C-alpha atoms as a PDB file:
ATOM      1  CA  MET A   1       8.180 -16.176 -19.778  1.00  0.00           C
ATOM      2  CA  GLU A   2       8.504 -13.873 -16.849  1.00  0.00           C
ATOM      3  CA  LYS A   3      10.245 -15.093 -13.609  1.00  0.00           C
ATOM      4  CA  LEU A   4       7.662 -16.072 -11.040  1.00  0.00           C
ATOM      5  CA  LEU A   5       8.317 -14.854  -7.486  1.00  0.00           C
ATOM      6  CA  THR A   6       7.218 -16.679  -4.277  1.00  0.00           C
ATOM      7  CA  ARG A   7       4.992 -14.930  -1.650  1.00  0.00           C
ATOM      8  CA  LYS A   8       8.148 -14.259   0.486  1.00  0.00           C
ATOM      9  CA  GLU A   9      10.096 -12.804  -2.341  1.00  0.00           C
ATOM     10  CA  ALA A  10       7.155 -10.654  -3.496  1.00  0.00           C
ATOM     11  CA  ALA A  11       6.505  -9.358   0.108  1.00  0.00           C
ATOM     12  CA  ARG A  12      10.143  -8.688   0.568  1.00  0.00           C
ATOM     13  CA  LEU A  13      10.359  -6.752  -2.770  1.00  0.00           C
ATOM     14  CA  LEU A  14       7.292  -4.589  -1.878  1.00  0.00           C
ATOM     15  CA  GLY A  15       8.526  -4.082   1.761  1.00  0.00           C
ATOM     16  CA  ILE A  16       5.265  -5.444   3.216  1.00  0.00           C
ATOM     17  CA  SER A  17       4.391  -8.591   5.261  1.00  0.00           C
ATOM     18  CA  ILE A  18       3.278 -11.876   3.842  1.00  0.00           C
ATOM     19  CA  ALA A  19      -0.030 -11.407   5.588  1.00  0.00           C
ATOM     20  CA  THR A  20      -0.574  -8.007   3.936  1.00  0.00           C
ATOM     21  CA  LEU A  21       0.293  -9.449   0.549  1.00  0.00           C
ATOM     22  CA  ASP A  22      -2.176 -12.296   1.158  1.00  0.00           C
ATOM     23  CA  ALA A  23      -4.888  -9.886   2.082  1.00  0.00           C
ATOM     24  CA  ALA A  24      -4.247  -7.914  -1.137  1.00  0.00           C
ATOM     25  CA  ARG A  25      -4.398 -11.063  -3.054  1.00  0.00           C
ATOM     26  CA  ALA A  26      -7.641 -12.143  -1.425  1.00  0.00           C
ATOM     27  CA  ASN A  27      -9.256  -8.743  -2.122  1.00  0.00           C
ATOM     28  CA  GLY A  28      -8.266  -8.876  -5.807  1.00  0.00           C
ATOM     29  CA  GLN A  29      -5.818  -6.009  -5.545  1.00  0.00           C
ATOM     30  CA  VAL A  30      -2.879  -7.991  -6.842  1.00  0.00           C
ATOM     31  CA  SER A  31      -3.009 -10.704  -9.509  1.00  0.00           C
ATOM     32  CA  PHE A  32      -1.171 -14.079  -9.045  1.00  0.00           C
ATOM     33  CA  VAL A  33      -0.393 -17.336 -10.718  1.00  0.00           C
ATOM     34  CA  GLN A  34      -1.677 -20.673  -9.177  1.00  0.00           C
ATOM     35  CA  TYR A  35      -1.059 -23.760 -11.256  1.00  0.00           C
ATOM     36  CA  CYS A  36      -3.464 -26.036  -9.359  1.00  0.00           C
ATOM     37  CA  GLU A  37      -6.232 -25.303  -6.774  1.00  0.00           C
ATOM     38  CA  ASN A  38      -4.710 -25.337  -3.210  1.00  0.00           C
ATOM     39  CA  GLY A  39      -1.215 -25.101  -4.758  1.00  0.00           C
ATOM     40  CA  SER A  40       1.554 -22.601  -4.338  1.00  0.00           C
ATOM     41  CA  VAL A  41       0.946 -18.940  -5.258  1.00  0.00           C
ATOM     42  CA  TYR A  42       3.370 -16.978  -7.376  1.00  0.00           C
ATOM     43  CA  PHE A  43       3.586 -13.361  -8.556  1.00  0.00           C
ATOM     44  CA  THR A  44       5.128 -11.724 -11.639  1.00  0.00           C
ATOM     45  CA  GLU A  45       7.024  -8.471 -11.396  1.00  0.00           C
ATOM     46  CA  LEU A  46       4.458  -6.858 -13.717  1.00  0.00           C
ATOM     47  CA  SER A  47       1.620  -7.740 -11.447  1.00  0.00           C
ATOM     48  CA  LEU A  48       3.563  -6.256  -8.440  1.00  0.00           C
ATOM     49  CA  GLN A  49       4.331  -3.066 -10.455  1.00  0.00           C
ATOM     50  CA  GLU A  50       0.591  -2.756 -11.160  1.00  0.00           C
ATOM     51  CA  TYR A  51      -0.292  -3.143  -7.565  1.00  0.00           C
ATOM     52  CA  VAL A  52       2.148  -0.414  -6.590  1.00  0.00           C
ATOM     53  CA  ALA A  53       0.827   1.895  -9.235  1.00  0.00           C
ATOM     54  CA  ARG A  54      -2.749   1.341  -8.020  1.00  0.00           C
ATOM     55  CA  SER A  55      -1.810   1.876  -4.434  1.00  0.00           C
ATOM     56  CA  THR A  56       0.177   4.965  -5.048  1.00  0.00           C
ATOM     57  CA  HIS A  57      -1.571   8.306  -4.179  1.00  0.00           C
ATOM     58  CA  ARG A  58      -0.563  11.799  -5.163  1.00  0.00           C
ATOM     59  CA  ALA A  59       0.535  14.129  -2.304  1.00  0.00           C
ATOM     60  CA  LYS A  60      -1.758  16.889  -1.583  1.00  0.00           C
ATOM     61  CA  PRO A  61      -0.107  20.388  -1.482  1.00  0.00           C
ATOM     62  CA  ARG A  62       0.312  21.861   1.971  1.00  0.00           C
ATOM     63  CA  GLU A  63      -2.174  24.492   2.737  1.00  0.00           C
ATOM     64  CA  ILE A  64      -0.820  27.919   3.387  1.00  0.00           C
ATOM     65  CA  ASN A  65      -1.311  29.161   6.977  1.00  0.00           C
ATOM     66  CA  THR A  66      -4.386  31.329   6.832  1.00  0.00           C
ATOM     67  CA  GLY A  67      -4.117  32.458  10.428  1.00  0.00           C
ATOM     68  CA  THR A  68      -7.130  30.358  11.472  1.00  0.00           C
ATOM     69  CA  THR A  69      -6.625  28.059  14.437  1.00  0.00           C
ATOM     70  CA  PHE A  70      -8.749  25.282  15.854  1.00  0.00           C
ATOM     71  CA  ARG A  71      -7.927  26.191  19.368  1.00  0.00           C
ATOM     72  CA  ASN A  72     -10.190  28.363  21.421  1.00  0.00           C
ATOM     73  CA  PRO A  73      -8.923  31.844  21.896  1.00  0.00           C
ATOM     74  CA  ARG A  74      -7.550  32.746  25.251  1.00  0.00           C
ATOM     75  CA  ASN A  75      -8.715  35.655  27.190  1.00  0.00           C
ATOM     76  CA  GLY A  76      -5.948  38.203  27.952  1.00  0.00           C
ATOM     77  CA  VAL A  77      -5.343  37.008  31.541  1.00  0.00           C
ATOM     78  CA  ARG A  78      -2.337  34.545  32.003  1.00  0.00           C
ATOM     79  CA  ARG A  79      -2.540  32.133  35.024  1.00  0.00           C
END
């Protein structure tokens, strides 16, 4: 059987707050173990790894400067 982590341990391992972990649990983003209703909540390392994998997004390549700007062009007079 895998070692079960408390909410505090899981949040520290993920680098997030307990409130953020609770929100992810309530939204069904991370699976958990609860032996009895209204009892303590535990997490497995595998469930945390799956949560991180689902939350990880690929970086988009940086666009090459096309010379286009979002600023309004200046007229030739400096003030």
